[in-house]
């Protein structure tokens, strides 16, 4: 009887894992961090089936480095630079695992970093699990001044529900990922808010996003986009926050607050009109996707925000 129970538990935990690393001119970062990724594959309890690097038309010798020093890694190449979301989506389509582990090229995992994550997916309602970057706990979300924002919650010793799963160090159920259509590369390219968007869409379909404290990685934040000016990054971030809210905030009451928030923000910060104009170039895409979210969502915006009120 005990043997049968153990076997059933092993079968439940028997998920195949694909690691996906997007790369664009990250040769030095790959040289620094890939050894720990390869080492983690040797730990059988991580259940890693494959490591896939999606190269986004690099010109710094990244591909040559991978071929020479990490021949066990599968390389998928874009002929033209398409951005983070497109690279990750290419990796997801290529992957054969049940779970997708997204790691930025500036992330180094501990050897046994997936052991405490995999069992969470025995719960069929779990969509994704954020890994533990030191100094960062789960995220909490709310509507503030008419805009959806997220803040870090305190680190803890037990798994917690999180507002979003980190696209640079997170694990996702591939079947649900494909149902959602992956990351929104049309709206949020080249980067920022695409992982929040994916997680929020999953939550509105009734799936759970978790944060696991015992699955640790080291993430040197923004090493991969540090060459882009801070001002340009800030504008992209603000534009994508606006597009995210326009697309996903489907509650009529809260959406009216959002429209008032836009007017208020422009009144207080006239320069925000530039962000609005940037967003308006994609407004038709956002509107089409908003209609889809209204049809497919099962959980209200209010119910999601209520989860994080006391965190």
C-alpha atoms as a PDB file:
ATOM      1  CA  UNK A   1       0.000   0.000   0.000  1.00  0.00           C
ATOM      2  CA  UNK A   2       2.791   2.417   0.956  1.00  0.00           C
ATOM      3  CA  UNK A   3       4.671   1.517  -2.220  1.00  0.00           C
ATOM      4  CA  UNK A   4       1.584   2.284  -4.342  1.00  0.00           C
ATOM      5  CA  UNK A   5       1.103   5.665  -2.612  1.00  0.00           C
ATOM      6  CA  UNK A   6       4.752   6.548  -3.170  1.00  0.00           C
ATOM      7  CA  UNK A   7       4.501   5.584  -6.846  1.00  0.00           C
ATOM      8  CA  UNK A   8       1.369   7.720  -7.311  1.00  0.00           C
ATOM      9  CA  UNK A   9       3.126  10.670  -5.677  1.00  0.00           C
ATOM     10  CA  UNK A  10       6.156  10.210  -7.927  1.00  0.00           C
ATOM     11  CA  UNK A  11       3.886  10.083 -10.975  1.00  0.00           C
ATOM     12  CA  UNK A  12       2.189  13.301  -9.892  1.00  0.00           C
ATOM     13  CA  UNK A  13       5.548  15.042  -9.532  1.00  0.00           C
ATOM     14  CA  UNK A  14       6.856  13.706 -12.828  1.00  0.00           C
ATOM     15  CA  UNK A  15       6.933  16.953 -14.815  1.00  0.00           C
ATOM     16  CA  UNK A  16       9.414  17.425 -17.624  1.00  0.00           C
ATOM     17  CA  UNK A  17      11.123  20.803 -17.453  1.00  0.00           C
ATOM     18  CA  UNK A  18      12.409  23.013 -20.265  1.00  0.00           C
ATOM     19  CA  UNK A  19      14.675  25.952 -19.415  1.00  0.00           C
ATOM     20  CA  UNK A  20      14.382  28.888 -21.824  1.00  0.00           C
ATOM     21  CA  UNK A  21      16.958  31.688 -21.899  1.00  0.00           C
ATOM     22  CA  UNK A  22      16.440  34.633 -24.286  1.00  0.00           C
ATOM     23  CA  UNK A  23      19.669  36.254 -25.408  1.00  0.00           C
ATOM     24  CA  UNK A  24      20.680  39.370 -27.276  1.00  0.00           C
ATOM     25  CA  UNK A  25      24.371  40.255 -27.279  1.00  0.00           C
ATOM     26  CA  UNK A  26      24.784  38.729 -23.833  1.00  0.00           C
ATOM     27  CA  UNK A  27      28.008  36.829 -24.458  1.00  0.00           C
ATOM     28  CA  UNK A  28      29.673  37.869 -21.190  1.00  0.00           C
ATOM     29  CA  UNK A  29      26.556  37.153 -19.143  1.00  0.00           C
ATOM     30  CA  UNK A  30      26.159  33.722 -20.724  1.00  0.00           C
ATOM     31  CA  UNK A  31      29.788  32.876 -19.996  1.00  0.00           C
ATOM     32  CA  UNK A  32      29.236  33.859 -16.363  1.00  0.00           C
ATOM     33  CA  UNK A  33      25.861  32.250 -15.694  1.00  0.00           C
ATOM     34  CA  UNK A  34      25.433  29.253 -18.004  1.00  0.00           C
ATOM     35  CA  UNK A  35      27.749  26.989 -15.981  1.00  0.00           C
ATOM     36  CA  UNK A  36      25.322  27.102 -13.028  1.00  0.00           C
ATOM     37  CA  UNK A  37      22.358  26.411 -15.339  1.00  0.00           C
ATOM     38  CA  UNK A  38      24.117  23.392 -16.852  1.00  0.00           C
ATOM     39  CA  UNK A  39      25.070  22.189 -13.371  1.00  0.00           C
ATOM     40  CA  UNK A  40      21.438  22.368 -12.255  1.00  0.00           C
ATOM     41  CA  UNK A  41      20.461  20.061 -15.125  1.00  0.00           C
ATOM     42  CA  UNK A  42      22.671  17.366 -13.607  1.00  0.00           C
ATOM     43  CA  UNK A  43      20.530  17.390 -10.458  1.00  0.00           C
ATOM     44  CA  UNK A  44      17.919  14.780 -11.375  1.00  0.00           C
ATOM     45  CA  UNK A  45      15.344  16.122  -8.921  1.00  0.00           C
ATOM     46  CA  UNK A  46      15.142  19.328 -10.969  1.00  0.00           C
ATOM     47  CA  UNK A  47      13.714  17.137 -13.763  1.00  0.00           C
ATOM     48  CA  UNK A  48      15.285  19.320 -16.458  1.00  0.00           C
ATOM     49  CA  UNK A  49      14.805  17.812 -19.889  1.00  0.00           C
ATOM     50  CA  UNK A  50      16.462  20.515 -21.995  1.00  0.00           C
ATOM     51  CA  UNK A  51      18.063  23.949 -21.994  1.00  0.00           C
ATOM     52  CA  UNK A  52      17.055  26.201 -24.890  1.00  0.00           C
ATOM     53  CA  UNK A  53      18.670  29.527 -25.745  1.00  0.00           C
ATOM     54  CA  UNK A  54      16.761  31.749 -28.146  1.00  0.00           C
ATOM     55  CA  UNK A  55      19.260  34.106 -29.737  1.00  0.00           C
ATOM     56  CA  UNK A  56      17.637  37.330 -30.902  1.00  0.00           C
ATOM     57  CA  UNK A  57      20.038  38.104 -33.774  1.00  0.00           C
ATOM     58  CA  UNK A  58      23.128  38.725 -31.632  1.00  0.00           C
ATOM     59  CA  UNK A  59      26.292  40.094 -33.201  1.00  0.00           C
ATOM     60  CA  UNK A  60      28.727  39.665 -30.298  1.00  0.00           C
ATOM     61  CA  UNK A  61      29.704  36.020 -30.759  1.00  0.00           C
ATOM     62  CA  UNK A  62      27.125  34.653 -28.315  1.00  0.00           C
ATOM     63  CA  UNK A  63      26.165  31.732 -30.534  1.00  0.00           C
ATOM     64  CA  UNK A  64      29.779  30.778 -31.144  1.00  0.00           C
ATOM     65  CA  UNK A  65      30.456  30.769 -27.399  1.00  0.00           C
ATOM     66  CA  UNK A  66      27.481  28.486 -26.727  1.00  0.00           C
ATOM     67  CA  UNK A  67      28.458  26.058 -29.480  1.00  0.00           C
ATOM     68  CA  UNK A  68      32.041  25.875 -28.278  1.00  0.00           C
ATOM     69  CA  UNK A  69      31.630  25.628 -24.502  1.00  0.00           C
ATOM     70  CA  UNK A  70      28.029  24.413 -24.015  1.00  0.00           C
ATOM     71  CA  UNK A  71      27.313  21.953 -26.852  1.00  0.00           C
ATOM     72  CA  UNK A  72      24.512  20.296 -24.867  1.00  0.00           C
ATOM     73  CA  UNK A  73      22.395  23.461 -25.111  1.00  0.00           C
ATOM     74  CA  UNK A  74      19.865  23.775 -27.927  1.00  0.00           C
ATOM     75  CA  UNK A  75      20.086  27.054 -29.861  1.00  0.00           C
ATOM     76  CA  UNK A  76      17.182  28.652 -31.729  1.00  0.00           C
ATOM     77  CA  UNK A  77      18.101  31.729 -33.755  1.00  0.00           C
ATOM     78  CA  UNK A  78      16.056  34.711 -34.891  1.00  0.00           C
ATOM     79  CA  UNK A  79      17.229  36.190 -38.187  1.00  0.00           C
ATOM     80  CA  UNK A  80      16.183  39.670 -37.021  1.00  0.00           C
ATOM     81  CA  UNK A  81      15.959  41.241 -33.558  1.00  0.00           C
ATOM     82  CA  UNK A  82      12.385  40.827 -32.321  1.00  0.00           C
ATOM     83  CA  UNK A  83      12.551  41.599 -28.607  1.00  0.00           C
ATOM     84  CA  UNK A  84      12.133  39.766 -25.302  1.00  0.00           C
ATOM     85  CA  UNK A  85       8.528  38.551 -25.627  1.00  0.00           C
ATOM     86  CA  UNK A  86       9.026  37.148 -29.105  1.00  0.00           C
ATOM     87  CA  UNK A  87      12.178  35.327 -27.995  1.00  0.00           C
ATOM     88  CA  UNK A  88      10.434  33.760 -25.019  1.00  0.00           C
ATOM     89  CA  UNK A  89       7.435  32.761 -27.148  1.00  0.00           C
ATOM     90  CA  UNK A  90       9.753  31.109 -29.673  1.00  0.00           C
ATOM     91  CA  UNK A  91      11.327  29.158 -26.819  1.00  0.00           C
ATOM     92  CA  UNK A  92       7.920  28.091 -25.485  1.00  0.00           C
ATOM     93  CA  UNK A  93       6.843  26.810 -28.897  1.00  0.00           C
ATOM     94  CA  UNK A  94      10.120  24.923 -29.284  1.00  0.00           C
ATOM     95  CA  UNK A  95      10.081  23.402 -25.786  1.00  0.00           C
ATOM     96  CA  UNK A  96       8.907  19.842 -25.187  1.00  0.00           C
ATOM     97  CA  UNK A  97       8.640  20.056 -21.386  1.00  0.00           C
ATOM     98  CA  UNK A  98       5.495  20.320 -19.272  1.00  0.00           C
ATOM     99  CA  UNK A  99       6.951  23.273 -17.373  1.00  0.00           C
ATOM    100  CA  UNK A 100       8.775  26.280 -18.783  1.00  0.00           C
ATOM    101  CA  UNK A 101      11.523  27.852 -16.696  1.00  0.00           C
ATOM    102  CA  UNK A 102      12.316  31.366 -17.904  1.00  0.00           C
ATOM    103  CA  UNK A 103      15.753  32.620 -16.951  1.00  0.00           C
ATOM    104  CA  UNK A 104      17.311  35.858 -18.114  1.00  0.00           C
ATOM    105  CA  UNK A 105      20.932  35.608 -19.201  1.00  0.00           C
ATOM    106  CA  UNK A 106      21.842  37.606 -16.062  1.00  0.00           C
ATOM    107  CA  UNK A 107      20.348  34.977 -13.730  1.00  0.00           C
ATOM    108  CA  UNK A 108      22.336  32.279 -11.950  1.00  0.00           C
ATOM    109  CA  UNK A 109      20.303  29.502 -10.248  1.00  0.00           C
ATOM    110  CA  UNK A 110      21.297  27.422  -7.257  1.00  0.00           C
ATOM    111  CA  UNK A 111      21.963  23.776  -8.114  1.00  0.00           C
ATOM    112  CA  UNK A 112      18.700  22.432  -6.636  1.00  0.00           C
ATOM    113  CA  UNK A 113      16.565  25.473  -7.433  1.00  0.00           C
ATOM    114  CA  UNK A 114      13.561  23.593  -8.853  1.00  0.00           C
ATOM    115  CA  UNK A 115      13.060  20.886  -6.241  1.00  0.00           C
ATOM    116  CA  UNK A 116      10.649  22.966  -4.151  1.00  0.00           C
ATOM    117  CA  UNK A 117       8.806  24.351  -7.181  1.00  0.00           C
ATOM    118  CA  UNK A 118       7.712  21.255  -9.043  1.00  0.00           C
ATOM    119  CA  UNK A 119       5.248  19.939  -6.441  1.00  0.00           C
ATOM    120  CA  UNK A 120       3.213  23.171  -6.666  1.00  0.00           C
ATOM    121  CA  UNK A 121       2.115  22.100 -10.135  1.00  0.00           C
ATOM    122  CA  UNK A 122       0.316  19.072  -8.716  1.00  0.00           C
ATOM    123  CA  UNK A 123      -2.394  21.669  -8.084  1.00  0.00           C
ATOM    124  CA  UNK A 124      -3.990  21.998 -11.510  1.00  0.00           C
ATOM    125  CA  UNK A 125      -5.006  25.578 -10.733  1.00  0.00           C
ATOM    126  CA  UNK A 126      -1.380  26.744 -10.525  1.00  0.00           C
ATOM    127  CA  UNK A 127      -0.233  28.634 -13.606  1.00  0.00           C
ATOM    128  CA  UNK A 128       3.201  29.843 -12.541  1.00  0.00           C
ATOM    129  CA  UNK A 129       5.694  30.136  -9.692  1.00  0.00           C
ATOM    130  CA  UNK A 130       8.158  32.969  -9.170  1.00  0.00           C
ATOM    131  CA  UNK A 131      11.624  31.970  -8.017  1.00  0.00           C
ATOM    132  CA  UNK A 132      13.220  33.661  -5.015  1.00  0.00           C
ATOM    133  CA  UNK A 133      15.593  36.472  -5.835  1.00  0.00           C
ATOM    134  CA  UNK A 134      17.300  37.609  -2.625  1.00  0.00           C
ATOM    135  CA  UNK A 135      15.731  40.782  -1.303  1.00  0.00           C
ATOM    136  CA  UNK A 136      12.483  40.272  -3.225  1.00  0.00           C
ATOM    137  CA  UNK A 137       9.340  38.608  -1.952  1.00  0.00           C
ATOM    138  CA  UNK A 138       6.013  38.076  -3.730  1.00  0.00           C
ATOM    139  CA  UNK A 139       4.272  40.980  -5.456  1.00  0.00           C
ATOM    140  CA  UNK A 140       0.992  42.636  -4.494  1.00  0.00           C
ATOM    141  CA  UNK A 141      -1.213  44.527  -6.934  1.00  0.00           C
ATOM    142  CA  UNK A 142      -3.705  47.365  -6.610  1.00  0.00           C
ATOM    143  CA  UNK A 143      -5.392  50.213  -8.431  1.00  0.00           C
ATOM    144  CA  UNK A 144      -3.738  53.482  -7.467  1.00  0.00           C
ATOM    145  CA  UNK A 145      -4.784  56.858  -8.881  1.00  0.00           C
ATOM    146  CA  UNK A 146      -6.547  54.980 -11.681  1.00  0.00           C
ATOM    147  CA  UNK A 147      -3.557  52.852 -12.723  1.00  0.00           C
ATOM    148  CA  UNK A 148      -2.723  49.236 -11.978  1.00  0.00           C
ATOM    149  CA  UNK A 149       0.514  49.136  -9.984  1.00  0.00           C
ATOM    150  CA  UNK A 150       2.459  46.429  -8.185  1.00  0.00           C
ATOM    151  CA  UNK A 151       4.653  46.593  -5.105  1.00  0.00           C
ATOM    152  CA  UNK A 152       6.910  44.046  -3.417  1.00  0.00           C
ATOM    153  CA  UNK A 153       5.588  42.246  -0.341  1.00  0.00           C
ATOM    154  CA  UNK A 154       7.859  41.029   2.447  1.00  0.00           C
ATOM    155  CA  UNK A 155       9.909  37.900   2.009  1.00  0.00           C
ATOM    156  CA  UNK A 156       8.626  34.946   4.024  1.00  0.00           C
ATOM    157  CA  UNK A 157       9.554  31.353   4.780  1.00  0.00           C
ATOM    158  CA  UNK A 158       6.497  29.850   3.076  1.00  0.00           C
ATOM    159  CA  UNK A 159       5.018  29.989  -0.420  1.00  0.00           C
ATOM    160  CA  UNK A 160       2.646  32.878  -1.065  1.00  0.00           C
ATOM    161  CA  UNK A 161       0.278  33.955  -3.786  1.00  0.00           C
ATOM    162  CA  UNK A 162       1.811  36.694  -5.933  1.00  0.00           C
ATOM    163  CA  UNK A 163       0.331  39.299  -8.274  1.00  0.00           C
ATOM    164  CA  UNK A 164       2.694  38.252 -11.061  1.00  0.00           C
ATOM    165  CA  UNK A 165       5.326  35.662 -11.908  1.00  0.00           C
ATOM    166  CA  UNK A 166       8.720  36.998 -12.912  1.00  0.00           C
ATOM    167  CA  UNK A 167       9.470  36.498 -16.605  1.00  0.00           C
ATOM    168  CA  UNK A 168      13.198  36.558 -15.885  1.00  0.00           C
ATOM    169  CA  UNK A 169      13.121  33.944 -13.121  1.00  0.00           C
ATOM    170  CA  UNK A 170       9.850  32.064 -13.117  1.00  0.00           C
ATOM    171  CA  UNK A 171       8.276  28.689 -13.905  1.00  0.00           C
ATOM    172  CA  UNK A 172       5.109  28.347 -16.002  1.00  0.00           C
ATOM    173  CA  UNK A 173       2.772  25.516 -16.933  1.00  0.00           C
ATOM    174  CA  UNK A 174       3.250  25.189 -20.689  1.00  0.00           C
ATOM    175  CA  UNK A 175      -0.277  23.993 -21.511  1.00  0.00           C
ATOM    176  CA  UNK A 176      -1.835  27.074 -19.872  1.00  0.00           C
ATOM    177  CA  UNK A 177       0.821  29.301 -21.434  1.00  0.00           C
ATOM    178  CA  UNK A 178      -0.224  28.090 -24.878  1.00  0.00           C
ATOM    179  CA  UNK A 179      -3.919  28.585 -24.079  1.00  0.00           C
ATOM    180  CA  UNK A 180      -3.158  32.207 -23.216  1.00  0.00           C
ATOM    181  CA  UNK A 181      -1.123  32.645 -26.385  1.00  0.00           C
ATOM    182  CA  UNK A 182       2.071  33.332 -24.440  1.00  0.00           C
ATOM    183  CA  UNK A 183       3.481  36.779 -23.846  1.00  0.00           C
ATOM    184  CA  UNK A 184       1.933  39.677 -25.735  1.00  0.00           C
ATOM    185  CA  UNK A 185       4.730  40.607 -28.123  1.00  0.00           C
ATOM    186  CA  UNK A 186       2.560  42.922 -30.236  1.00  0.00           C
ATOM    187  CA  UNK A 187       1.567  45.260 -27.416  1.00  0.00           C
ATOM    188  CA  UNK A 188       4.540  45.276 -25.041  1.00  0.00           C
ATOM    189  CA  UNK A 189       7.544  44.980 -27.317  1.00  0.00           C
ATOM    190  CA  UNK A 190      10.453  45.431 -26.749  1.00  0.00           C
ATOM    191  CA  UNK A 191      10.139  44.855 -22.948  1.00  0.00           C
ATOM    192  CA  UNK A 192       8.404  45.626 -19.606  1.00  0.00           C
ATOM    193  CA  UNK A 193       4.977  44.537 -18.279  1.00  0.00           C
ATOM    194  CA  UNK A 194       4.700  41.490 -20.546  1.00  0.00           C
ATOM    195  CA  UNK A 195       5.103  39.070 -17.612  1.00  0.00           C
ATOM    196  CA  UNK A 196       2.682  41.066 -15.447  1.00  0.00           C
ATOM    197  CA  UNK A 197       0.193  40.960 -18.310  1.00  0.00           C
ATOM    198  CA  UNK A 198       0.547  37.193 -18.759  1.00  0.00           C
ATOM    199  CA  UNK A 199       0.154  36.565 -15.020  1.00  0.00           C
ATOM    200  CA  UNK A 200      -2.861  38.873 -14.747  1.00  0.00           C
ATOM    201  CA  UNK A 201      -4.613  37.180 -17.658  1.00  0.00           C
ATOM    202  CA  UNK A 202      -3.984  33.824 -15.991  1.00  0.00           C
ATOM    203  CA  UNK A 203      -5.399  35.098 -12.684  1.00  0.00           C
ATOM    204  CA  UNK A 204      -8.531  36.377 -14.397  1.00  0.00           C
ATOM    205  CA  UNK A 205      -9.114  32.882 -15.749  1.00  0.00           C
ATOM    206  CA  UNK A 206      -9.017  31.492 -12.228  1.00  0.00           C
ATOM    207  CA  UNK A 207      -5.440  30.191 -12.185  1.00  0.00           C
ATOM    208  CA  UNK A 208      -2.954  30.821  -9.380  1.00  0.00           C
ATOM    209  CA  UNK A 209       0.394  32.617  -9.373  1.00  0.00           C
ATOM    210  CA  UNK A 210       2.747  31.693  -6.536  1.00  0.00           C
ATOM    211  CA  UNK A 211       6.112  32.732  -5.100  1.00  0.00           C
ATOM    212  CA  UNK A 212       8.387  30.027  -3.655  1.00  0.00           C
ATOM    213  CA  UNK A 213      10.989  31.161  -1.055  1.00  0.00           C
ATOM    214  CA  UNK A 214      13.101  28.002  -1.162  1.00  0.00           C
ATOM    215  CA  UNK A 215      13.825  28.131  -4.897  1.00  0.00           C
ATOM    216  CA  UNK A 216      16.703  30.573  -5.081  1.00  0.00           C
ATOM    217  CA  UNK A 217      18.447  32.382  -7.902  1.00  0.00           C
ATOM    218  CA  UNK A 218      20.775  35.369  -8.160  1.00  0.00           C
ATOM    219  CA  UNK A 219      19.551  38.031 -10.574  1.00  0.00           C
ATOM    220  CA  UNK A 220      21.696  41.003 -11.579  1.00  0.00           C
ATOM    221  CA  UNK A 221      18.775  43.219 -12.474  1.00  0.00           C
ATOM    222  CA  UNK A 222      18.733  45.103 -15.791  1.00  0.00           C
ATOM    223  CA  UNK A 223      22.136  43.788 -16.826  1.00  0.00           C
ATOM    224  CA  UNK A 224      20.516  42.694 -20.094  1.00  0.00           C
ATOM    225  CA  UNK A 225      19.069  46.134 -20.977  1.00  0.00           C
ATOM    226  CA  UNK A 226      21.571  48.381 -19.226  1.00  0.00           C
ATOM    227  CA  UNK A 227      22.890  49.744 -22.520  1.00  0.00           C
ATOM    228  CA  UNK A 228      19.553  51.444 -23.238  1.00  0.00           C
ATOM    229  CA  UNK A 229      19.268  54.940 -21.778  1.00  0.00           C
ATOM    230  CA  UNK A 230      17.372  55.322 -18.510  1.00  0.00           C
ATOM    231  CA  UNK A 231      15.023  57.923 -20.060  1.00  0.00           C
ATOM    232  CA  UNK A 232      14.064  55.623 -22.926  1.00  0.00           C
ATOM    233  CA  UNK A 233      13.484  52.724 -20.539  1.00  0.00           C
ATOM    234  CA  UNK A 234      11.281  54.906 -18.343  1.00  0.00           C
ATOM    235  CA  UNK A 235       9.142  55.989 -21.300  1.00  0.00           C
ATOM    236  CA  UNK A 236       8.700  52.389 -22.468  1.00  0.00           C
ATOM    237  CA  UNK A 237       7.804  51.322 -18.939  1.00  0.00           C
ATOM    238  CA  UNK A 238       5.185  54.060 -18.534  1.00  0.00           C
ATOM    239  CA  UNK A 239       3.727  53.420 -21.990  1.00  0.00           C
ATOM    240  CA  UNK A 240       3.409  49.706 -21.295  1.00  0.00           C
ATOM    241  CA  UNK A 241       1.830  50.319 -17.882  1.00  0.00           C
ATOM    242  CA  UNK A 242      -0.797  52.434 -19.635  1.00  0.00           C
ATOM    243  CA  UNK A 243      -1.363  49.821 -22.353  1.00  0.00           C
ATOM    244  CA  UNK A 244      -1.566  47.068 -19.735  1.00  0.00           C
ATOM    245  CA  UNK A 245      -4.275  48.924 -17.817  1.00  0.00           C
ATOM    246  CA  UNK A 246      -6.228  49.838 -20.964  1.00  0.00           C
ATOM    247  CA  UNK A 247      -6.161  46.210 -22.065  1.00  0.00           C
ATOM    248  CA  UNK A 248      -6.817  44.360 -18.821  1.00  0.00           C
ATOM    249  CA  UNK A 249      -8.933  46.571 -16.543  1.00  0.00           C
ATOM    250  CA  UNK A 250     -12.352  45.333 -17.657  1.00  0.00           C
ATOM    251  CA  UNK A 251     -14.410  46.405 -14.610  1.00  0.00           C
ATOM    252  CA  UNK A 252     -16.610  49.322 -15.778  1.00  0.00           C
ATOM    253  CA  UNK A 253     -16.322  51.074 -12.413  1.00  0.00           C
ATOM    254  CA  UNK A 254     -12.559  50.746 -12.169  1.00  0.00           C
ATOM    255  CA  UNK A 255     -12.075  51.636 -15.833  1.00  0.00           C
ATOM    256  CA  UNK A 256     -13.875  54.959 -15.281  1.00  0.00           C
ATOM    257  CA  UNK A 257     -11.403  55.598 -12.473  1.00  0.00           C
ATOM    258  CA  UNK A 258      -8.605  54.809 -14.886  1.00  0.00           C
ATOM    259  CA  UNK A 259      -9.824  57.349 -17.456  1.00  0.00           C
ATOM    260  CA  UNK A 260     -10.070  59.970 -14.717  1.00  0.00           C
ATOM    261  CA  UNK A 261      -6.567  58.991 -13.625  1.00  0.00           C
ATOM    262  CA  UNK A 262      -5.171  59.641 -17.108  1.00  0.00           C
ATOM    263  CA  UNK A 263      -6.706  63.132 -17.175  1.00  0.00           C
ATOM    264  CA  UNK A 264      -5.417  63.845 -13.660  1.00  0.00           C
ATOM    265  CA  UNK A 265      -1.913  62.646 -14.494  1.00  0.00           C
ATOM    266  CA  UNK A 266      -1.706  64.837 -17.594  1.00  0.00           C
ATOM    267  CA  UNK A 267      -2.913  67.806 -15.531  1.00  0.00           C
ATOM    268  CA  UNK A 268      -0.215  67.275 -12.907  1.00  0.00           C
ATOM    269  CA  UNK A 269       2.517  66.177 -15.322  1.00  0.00           C
ATOM    270  CA  UNK A 270       1.950  67.665 -18.815  1.00  0.00           C
ATOM    271  CA  UNK A 271       4.885  65.640 -20.152  1.00  0.00           C
ATOM    272  CA  UNK A 272       2.734  62.527 -19.728  1.00  0.00           C
ATOM    273  CA  UNK A 273       0.975  63.485 -22.948  1.00  0.00           C
ATOM    274  CA  UNK A 274       4.026  62.036 -24.731  1.00  0.00           C
ATOM    275  CA  UNK A 275       3.385  58.671 -23.057  1.00  0.00           C
ATOM    276  CA  UNK A 276      -0.282  58.849 -24.072  1.00  0.00           C
ATOM    277  CA  UNK A 277       0.646  59.535 -27.697  1.00  0.00           C
ATOM    278  CA  UNK A 278       3.095  56.603 -27.646  1.00  0.00           C
ATOM    279  CA  UNK A 279       0.314  54.344 -26.350  1.00  0.00           C
ATOM    280  CA  UNK A 280      -2.245  55.598 -28.858  1.00  0.00           C
ATOM    281  CA  UNK A 281      -0.167  54.157 -31.706  1.00  0.00           C
ATOM    282  CA  UNK A 282      -1.162  50.718 -30.372  1.00  0.00           C
ATOM    283  CA  UNK A 283      -4.661  51.539 -29.148  1.00  0.00           C
ATOM    284  CA  UNK A 284      -6.416  49.440 -31.814  1.00  0.00           C
ATOM    285  CA  UNK A 285      -4.430  46.360 -30.733  1.00  0.00           C
ATOM    286  CA  UNK A 286      -5.183  47.082 -27.069  1.00  0.00           C
ATOM    287  CA  UNK A 287      -8.899  47.483 -27.796  1.00  0.00           C
ATOM    288  CA  UNK A 288      -9.104  44.198 -29.707  1.00  0.00           C
ATOM    289  CA  UNK A 289      -7.349  42.340 -26.892  1.00  0.00           C
ATOM    290  CA  UNK A 290      -9.531  44.074 -24.285  1.00  0.00           C
ATOM    291  CA  UNK A 291     -12.644  42.663 -25.978  1.00  0.00           C
ATOM    292  CA  UNK A 292     -11.078  39.191 -25.791  1.00  0.00           C
ATOM    293  CA  UNK A 293     -10.296  39.609 -22.084  1.00  0.00           C
ATOM    294  CA  UNK A 294     -13.874  40.646 -21.351  1.00  0.00           C
ATOM    295  CA  UNK A 295     -15.145  37.462 -22.989  1.00  0.00           C
ATOM    296  CA  UNK A 296     -12.683  35.027 -21.437  1.00  0.00           C
ATOM    297  CA  UNK A 297     -12.181  36.396 -17.908  1.00  0.00           C
ATOM    298  CA  UNK A 298     -13.846  34.495 -15.061  1.00  0.00           C
ATOM    299  CA  UNK A 299     -12.541  36.543 -12.113  1.00  0.00           C
ATOM    300  CA  UNK A 300     -13.173  40.268 -11.642  1.00  0.00           C
ATOM    301  CA  UNK A 301     -10.492  42.926 -11.270  1.00  0.00           C
ATOM    302  CA  UNK A 302     -11.883  43.764  -7.830  1.00  0.00           C
ATOM    303  CA  UNK A 303     -11.547  40.149  -6.655  1.00  0.00           C
ATOM    304  CA  UNK A 304      -7.913  40.025  -7.709  1.00  0.00           C
ATOM    305  CA  UNK A 305      -6.992  43.270  -5.957  1.00  0.00           C
ATOM    306  CA  UNK A 306      -8.851  42.126  -2.822  1.00  0.00           C
ATOM    307  CA  UNK A 307      -6.421  39.212  -2.470  1.00  0.00           C
ATOM    308  CA  UNK A 308      -3.553  41.611  -1.757  1.00  0.00           C
ATOM    309  CA  UNK A 309      -5.233  44.240   0.438  1.00  0.00           C
ATOM    310  CA  UNK A 310      -3.826  42.872   3.694  1.00  0.00           C
ATOM    311  CA  UNK A 311      -0.343  41.926   2.458  1.00  0.00           C
END
